[in-house]
Amino acid sequence: MTVDRAVRMLAGVIVLISVALAHWVSPNWLWLTAFVGLNLLQSSITSWCPAMSILRMMKVPESGEVKCR
């Protein structure tokens, strides 16, 4: 798995969890969904995402570094 794919998966999981929590617990969980959306918008403009930095520190491979098995 590459950094790009991991970021997309992380964002999708957080959005789905926050929508479920908003449905069953409290509508205030939709703020988490809004935060994820704003973070994705910001990263599309600046090409910097905090999740990517964290994943790189965790040694998740970049797009060109993935080796076929």
PDB file of N, CA and C in Angstrom:
ATOM      1  N   MET A   1       0.848  -1.168   0.000  1.00  0.00           N
ATOM      2  CA  MET A   1       0.000   0.000   0.000  1.00  0.00           C
ATOM      3  C   MET A   1       0.896   1.235   0.000  1.00  0.00           C
ATOM      4  N   THR A   2       0.531   2.213  -0.789  1.00  0.00           N
ATOM      5  CA  THR A   2       1.306   3.449  -0.884  1.00  0.00           C
ATOM      6  C   THR A   2       0.709   4.519   0.025  1.00  0.00           C
ATOM      7  N   VAL A   3       1.450   5.606   0.183  1.00  0.00           N
ATOM      8  CA  VAL A   3       0.999   6.717   1.008  1.00  0.00           C
ATOM      9  C   VAL A   3      -0.302   7.291   0.458  1.00  0.00           C
ATOM     10  N   ASP A   4      -0.377   7.468  -0.857  1.00  0.00           N
ATOM     11  CA  ASP A   4      -1.579   8.041  -1.466  1.00  0.00           C
ATOM     12  C   ASP A   4      -2.815   7.183  -1.189  1.00  0.00           C
ATOM     13  N   ARG A   5      -2.677   5.893  -1.378  1.00  0.00           N
ATOM     14  CA  ARG A   5      -3.808   4.991  -1.135  1.00  0.00           C
ATOM     15  C   ARG A   5      -4.178   4.952   0.337  1.00  0.00           C
ATOM     16  N   ALA A   6      -3.174   4.991   1.209  1.00  0.00           N
ATOM     17  CA  ALA A   6      -3.442   4.959   2.649  1.00  0.00           C
ATOM     18  C   ALA A   6      -4.178   6.210   3.102  1.00  0.00           C
ATOM     19  N   VAL A   7      -3.829   7.367   2.546  1.00  0.00           N
ATOM     20  CA  VAL A   7      -4.520   8.616   2.899  1.00  0.00           C
ATOM     21  C   VAL A   7      -5.969   8.554   2.453  1.00  0.00           C
ATOM     22  N   ARG A   8      -6.212   8.089   1.244  1.00  0.00           N
ATOM     23  CA  ARG A   8      -7.602   7.975   0.762  1.00  0.00           C
ATOM     24  C   ARG A   8      -8.405   7.011   1.618  1.00  0.00           C
ATOM     25  N   MET A   9      -7.792   5.883   1.977  1.00  0.00           N
ATOM     26  CA  MET A   9      -8.488   4.909   2.797  1.00  0.00           C
ATOM     27  C   MET A   9      -8.769   5.481   4.187  1.00  0.00           C
ATOM     28  N   LEU A  10      -7.799   6.150   4.779  1.00  0.00           N
ATOM     29  CA  LEU A  10      -7.979   6.747   6.096  1.00  0.00           C
ATOM     30  C   LEU A  10      -9.103   7.786   6.074  1.00  0.00           C
ATOM     31  N   ALA A  11      -9.115   8.648   5.067  1.00  0.00           N
ATOM     32  CA  ALA A  11     -10.165   9.663   4.960  1.00  0.00           C
ATOM     33  C   ALA A  11     -11.542   9.011   4.802  1.00  0.00           C
ATOM     34  N   GLY A  12     -11.631   7.993   3.970  1.00  0.00           N
ATOM     35  CA  GLY A  12     -12.906   7.304   3.774  1.00  0.00           C
ATOM     36  C   GLY A  12     -13.406   6.633   5.036  1.00  0.00           C
ATOM     37  N   VAL A  13     -12.516   5.995   5.753  1.00  0.00           N
ATOM     38  CA  VAL A  13     -12.904   5.318   6.996  1.00  0.00           C
ATOM     39  C   VAL A  13     -13.375   6.334   8.036  1.00  0.00           C
ATOM     40  N   ILE A  14     -12.644   7.437   8.170  1.00  0.00           N
ATOM     41  CA  ILE A  14     -13.036   8.448   9.153  1.00  0.00           C
ATOM     42  C   ILE A  14     -14.391   9.060   8.796  1.00  0.00           C
ATOM     43  N   VAL A  15     -14.628   9.327   7.515  1.00  0.00           N
ATOM     44  CA  VAL A  15     -15.914   9.884   7.102  1.00  0.00           C
ATOM     45  C   VAL A  15     -17.046   8.901   7.402  1.00  0.00           C
ATOM     46  N   LEU A  16     -16.864   7.633   7.058  1.00  0.00           N
ATOM     47  CA  LEU A  16     -17.913   6.648   7.320  1.00  0.00           C
ATOM     48  C   LEU A  16     -18.186   6.477   8.812  1.00  0.00           C
ATOM     49  N   ILE A  17     -17.132   6.455   9.610  1.00  0.00           N
ATOM     50  CA  ILE A  17     -17.315   6.329  11.061  1.00  0.00           C
ATOM     51  C   ILE A  17     -18.030   7.556  11.622  1.00  0.00           C
ATOM     52  N   SER A  18     -17.637   8.746  11.177  1.00  0.00           N
ATOM     53  CA  SER A  18     -18.270   9.951  11.716  1.00  0.00           C
ATOM     54  C   SER A  18     -19.734  10.062  11.299  1.00  0.00           C
ATOM     55  N   VAL A  19     -20.069   9.619  10.098  1.00  0.00           N
ATOM     56  CA  VAL A  19     -21.474   9.631   9.678  1.00  0.00           C
ATOM     57  C   VAL A  19     -22.279   8.636  10.509  1.00  0.00           C
ATOM     58  N   ALA A  20     -21.712   7.468  10.777  1.00  0.00           N
ATOM     59  CA  ALA A  20     -22.407   6.484  11.620  1.00  0.00           C
ATOM     60  C   ALA A  20     -22.595   7.026  13.038  1.00  0.00           C
ATOM     61  N   LEU A  21     -21.555   7.661  13.573  1.00  0.00           N
ATOM     62  CA  LEU A  21     -21.672   8.242  14.911  1.00  0.00           C
ATOM     63  C   LEU A  21     -22.693   9.382  14.933  1.00  0.00           C
ATOM     64  N   ALA A  22     -22.748  10.165  13.860  1.00  0.00           N
ATOM     65  CA  ALA A  22     -23.740  11.242  13.781  1.00  0.00           C
ATOM     66  C   ALA A  22     -25.153  10.675  13.743  1.00  0.00           C
ATOM     67  N   HIS A  23     -25.316   9.547  13.093  1.00  0.00           N
ATOM     68  CA  HIS A  23     -26.642   8.928  12.992  1.00  0.00           C
ATOM     69  C   HIS A  23     -27.078   8.327  14.325  1.00  0.00           C
ATOM     70  N   TRP A  24     -26.177   7.605  14.989  1.00  0.00           N
ATOM     71  CA  TRP A  24     -26.568   6.861  16.185  1.00  0.00           C
ATOM     72  C   TRP A  24     -26.239   7.552  17.510  1.00  0.00           C
ATOM     73  N   VAL A  25     -25.305   8.506  17.511  1.00  0.00           N
ATOM     74  CA  VAL A  25     -24.889   9.100  18.786  1.00  0.00           C
ATOM     75  C   VAL A  25     -25.307  10.567  18.876  1.00  0.00           C
ATOM     76  N   SER A  26     -24.696  11.392  18.024  1.00  0.00           N
ATOM     77  CA  SER A  26     -24.969  12.827  18.083  1.00  0.00           C
ATOM     78  C   SER A  26     -24.643  13.461  16.733  1.00  0.00           C
ATOM     79  N   PRO A  27     -25.485  14.381  16.271  1.00  0.00           N
ATOM     80  CA  PRO A  27     -25.193  15.074  15.000  1.00  0.00           C
ATOM     81  C   PRO A  27     -23.904  15.890  15.032  1.00  0.00           C
ATOM     82  N   ASN A  28     -23.394  16.161  16.214  1.00  0.00           N
ATOM     83  CA  ASN A  28     -22.144  16.926  16.311  1.00  0.00           C
ATOM     84  C   ASN A  28     -20.962  16.192  15.694  1.00  0.00           C
ATOM     85  N   TRP A  29     -21.066  14.886  15.494  1.00  0.00           N
ATOM     86  CA  TRP A  29     -19.990  14.129  14.848  1.00  0.00           C
ATOM     87  C   TRP A  29     -19.810  14.538  13.390  1.00  0.00           C
ATOM     88  N   LEU A  30     -20.775  15.234  12.806  1.00  0.00           N
ATOM     89  CA  LEU A  30     -20.625  15.704  11.429  1.00  0.00           C
ATOM     90  C   LEU A  30     -19.521  16.751  11.308  1.00  0.00           C
ATOM     91  N   TRP A  31     -19.144  17.367  12.428  1.00  0.00           N
ATOM     92  CA  TRP A  31     -18.004  18.282  12.398  1.00  0.00           C
ATOM     93  C   TRP A  31     -16.720  17.553  12.021  1.00  0.00           C
ATOM     94  N   LEU A  32     -16.597  16.318  12.423  1.00  0.00           N
ATOM     95  CA  LEU A  32     -15.429  15.524  12.035  1.00  0.00           C
ATOM     96  C   LEU A  32     -15.430  15.287  10.529  1.00  0.00           C
ATOM     97  N   THR A  33     -16.594  15.011   9.962  1.00  0.00           N
ATOM     98  CA  THR A  33     -16.712  14.854   8.513  1.00  0.00           C
ATOM     99  C   THR A  33     -16.306  16.143   7.798  1.00  0.00           C
ATOM    100  N   ALA A  34     -16.766  17.277   8.316  1.00  0.00           N
ATOM    101  CA  ALA A  34     -16.411  18.567   7.726  1.00  0.00           C
ATOM    102  C   ALA A  34     -14.908  18.821   7.819  1.00  0.00           C
ATOM    103  N   PHE A  35     -14.305  18.455   8.950  1.00  0.00           N
ATOM    104  CA  PHE A  35     -12.864  18.619   9.128  1.00  0.00           C
ATOM    105  C   PHE A  35     -12.087  17.808   8.098  1.00  0.00           C
ATOM    106  N   VAL A  36     -12.505  16.564   7.879  1.00  0.00           N
ATOM    107  CA  VAL A  36     -11.823  15.711   6.903  1.00  0.00           C
ATOM    108  C   VAL A  36     -11.969  16.315   5.504  1.00  0.00           C
ATOM    109  N   GLY A  37     -13.158  16.786   5.170  1.00  0.00           N
ATOM    110  CA  GLY A  37     -13.374  17.408   3.864  1.00  0.00           C
ATOM    111  C   GLY A  37     -12.527  18.651   3.670  1.00  0.00           C
ATOM    112  N   LEU A  38     -12.460  19.500   4.694  1.00  0.00           N
ATOM    113  CA  LEU A  38     -11.623  20.697   4.600  1.00  0.00           C
ATOM    114  C   LEU A  38     -10.142  20.349   4.494  1.00  0.00           C
ATOM    115  N   ASN A  39      -9.725  19.316   5.198  1.00  0.00           N
ATOM    116  CA  ASN A  39      -8.332  18.882   5.115  1.00  0.00           C
ATOM    117  C   ASN A  39      -8.009  18.373   3.711  1.00  0.00           C
ATOM    118  N   LEU A  40      -8.933  17.625   3.104  1.00  0.00           N
ATOM    119  CA  LEU A  40      -8.713  17.156   1.736  1.00  0.00           C
ATOM    120  C   LEU A  40      -8.667  18.327   0.760  1.00  0.00           C
ATOM    121  N   LEU A  41      -9.538  19.316   0.952  1.00  0.00           N
ATOM    122  CA  LEU A  41      -9.526  20.507   0.094  1.00  0.00           C
ATOM    123  C   LEU A  41      -8.213  21.276   0.244  1.00  0.00           C
ATOM    124  N   GLN A  42      -7.791  21.470   1.481  1.00  0.00           N
ATOM    125  CA  GLN A  42      -6.537  22.169   1.745  1.00  0.00           C
ATOM    126  C   GLN A  42      -5.360  21.432   1.121  1.00  0.00           C
ATOM    127  N   SER A  43      -5.342  20.107   1.232  1.00  0.00           N
ATOM    128  CA  SER A  43      -4.210  19.347   0.684  1.00  0.00           C
ATOM    129  C   SER A  43      -4.199  19.375  -0.843  1.00  0.00           C
ATOM    130  N   SER A  44      -5.362  19.522  -1.463  1.00  0.00           N
ATOM    131  CA  SER A  44      -5.381  19.621  -2.926  1.00  0.00           C
ATOM    132  C   SER A  44      -4.819  20.951  -3.405  1.00  0.00           C
ATOM    133  N   ILE A  45      -4.906  21.977  -2.570  1.00  0.00           N
ATOM    134  CA  ILE A  45      -4.394  23.297  -2.934  1.00  0.00           C
ATOM    135  C   ILE A  45      -2.915  23.428  -2.606  1.00  0.00           C
ATOM    136  N   THR A  46      -2.509  22.940  -1.434  1.00  0.00           N
ATOM    137  CA  THR A  46      -1.134  23.144  -0.976  1.00  0.00           C
ATOM    138  C   THR A  46      -0.209  21.957  -1.233  1.00  0.00           C
ATOM    139  N   SER A  47      -0.759  20.819  -1.612  1.00  0.00           N
ATOM    140  CA  SER A  47       0.003  19.579  -1.810  1.00  0.00           C
ATOM    141  C   SER A  47       0.677  19.107  -0.525  1.00  0.00           C
ATOM    142  N   TRP A  48       0.128  19.480   0.630  1.00  0.00           N
ATOM    143  CA  TRP A  48       0.633  19.028   1.918  1.00  0.00           C
ATOM    144  C   TRP A  48      -0.529  18.520   2.761  1.00  0.00           C
ATOM    145  N   CYS A  49      -0.340  17.349   3.335  1.00  0.00           N
ATOM    146  CA  CYS A  49      -1.377  16.737   4.152  1.00  0.00           C
ATOM    147  C   CYS A  49      -0.721  16.196   5.424  1.00  0.00           C
ATOM    148  N   PRO A  50      -1.248  16.523   6.598  1.00  0.00           N
ATOM    149  CA  PRO A  50      -0.648  16.013   7.832  1.00  0.00           C
ATOM    150  C   PRO A  50      -0.616  14.483   7.881  1.00  0.00           C
ATOM    151  N   ALA A  51      -1.652  13.835   7.372  1.00  0.00           N
ATOM    152  CA  ALA A  51      -1.684  12.367   7.383  1.00  0.00           C
ATOM    153  C   ALA A  51      -0.545  11.792   6.535  1.00  0.00           C
ATOM    154  N   MET A  52      -0.230  12.440   5.419  1.00  0.00           N
ATOM    155  CA  MET A  52       0.875  11.957   4.576  1.00  0.00           C
ATOM    156  C   MET A  52       2.198  12.052   5.326  1.00  0.00           C
ATOM    157  N   SER A  53       2.382  13.130   6.063  1.00  0.00           N
ATOM    158  CA  SER A  53       3.619  13.282   6.835  1.00  0.00           C
ATOM    159  C   SER A  53       3.748  12.180   7.880  1.00  0.00           C
ATOM    160  N   ILE A  54       2.648  11.882   8.554  1.00  0.00           N
ATOM    161  CA  ILE A  54       2.659  10.830   9.573  1.00  0.00           C
ATOM    162  C   ILE A  54       2.926   9.468   8.940  1.00  0.00           C
ATOM    163  N   LEU A  55       2.266   9.189   7.816  1.00  0.00           N
ATOM    164  CA  LEU A  55       2.466   7.902   7.145  1.00  0.00           C
ATOM    165  C   LEU A  55       3.898   7.755   6.635  1.00  0.00           C
ATOM    166  N   ARG A  56       4.494   8.846   6.172  1.00  0.00           N
ATOM    167  CA  ARG A  56       5.896   8.790   5.734  1.00  0.00           C
ATOM    168  C   ARG A  56       6.828   8.507   6.906  1.00  0.00           C
ATOM    169  N   MET A  57       6.522   9.088   8.082  1.00  0.00           N
ATOM    170  CA  MET A  57       7.328   8.790   9.270  1.00  0.00           C
ATOM    171  C   MET A  57       7.184   7.327   9.676  1.00  0.00           C
ATOM    172  N   MET A  58       6.043   6.716   9.348  1.00  0.00           N
ATOM    173  CA  MET A  58       5.807   5.309   9.651  1.00  0.00           C
ATOM    174  C   MET A  58       6.385   4.397   8.572  1.00  0.00           C
ATOM    175  N   LYS A  59       7.134   4.986   7.623  1.00  0.00           N
ATOM    176  CA  LYS A  59       7.829   4.256   6.561  1.00  0.00           C
ATOM    177  C   LYS A  59       6.887   3.553   5.575  1.00  0.00           C
ATOM    178  N   VAL A  60       5.693   4.136   5.338  1.00  0.00           N
ATOM    179  CA  VAL A  60       4.812   3.625   4.292  1.00  0.00           C
ATOM    180  C   VAL A  60       5.437   4.047   2.961  1.00  0.00           C
ATOM    181  N   PRO A  61       5.548   3.135   2.006  1.00  0.00           N
ATOM    182  CA  PRO A  61       6.250   3.476   0.756  1.00  0.00           C
ATOM    183  C   PRO A  61       5.504   4.498  -0.101  1.00  0.00           C
ATOM    184  N   GLU A  62       6.292   5.285  -0.818  1.00  0.00           N
ATOM    185  CA  GLU A  62       5.740   6.239  -1.780  1.00  0.00           C
ATOM    186  C   GLU A  62       5.281   5.497  -3.030  1.00  0.00           C
ATOM    187  N   SER A  63       4.664   6.196  -3.943  1.00  0.00           N
ATOM    188  CA  SER A  63       4.117   5.578  -5.158  1.00  0.00           C
ATOM    189  C   SER A  63       5.173   4.826  -5.959  1.00  0.00           C
ATOM    190  N   GLY A  64       6.339   5.433  -6.183  1.00  0.00           N
ATOM    191  CA  GLY A  64       7.365   4.822  -7.011  1.00  0.00           C
ATOM    192  C   GLY A  64       8.189   3.763  -6.302  1.00  0.00           C
ATOM    193  N   GLU A  65       7.995   3.596  -4.991  1.00  0.00           N
ATOM    194  CA  GLU A  65       8.832   2.689  -4.226  1.00  0.00           C
ATOM    195  C   GLU A  65       8.213   1.292  -4.045  1.00  0.00           C
ATOM    196  N   VAL A  66       6.996   1.095  -4.561  1.00  0.00           N
ATOM    197  CA  VAL A  66       6.320  -0.177  -4.365  1.00  0.00           C
ATOM    198  C   VAL A  66       6.941  -1.217  -5.292  1.00  0.00           C
ATOM    199  N   LYS A  67       7.294  -2.343  -4.739  1.00  0.00           N
ATOM    200  CA  LYS A  67       7.907  -3.409  -5.540  1.00  0.00           C
ATOM    201  C   LYS A  67       6.877  -4.476  -5.832  1.00  0.00           C
ATOM    202  N   CYS A  68       6.870  -4.949  -7.076  1.00  0.00           N
ATOM    203  CA  CYS A  68       5.964  -6.050  -7.453  1.00  0.00           C
ATOM    204  C   CYS A  68       6.481  -7.361  -6.862  1.00  0.00           C
ATOM    205  N   ARG A  69       5.559  -8.212  -6.497  1.00  0.00           N
ATOM    206  CA  ARG A  69       5.963  -9.505  -5.921  1.00  0.00           C
ATOM    207  C   ARG A  69       5.876 -10.583  -6.930  1.00  0.00           C
TER     208      ARG A  69
END
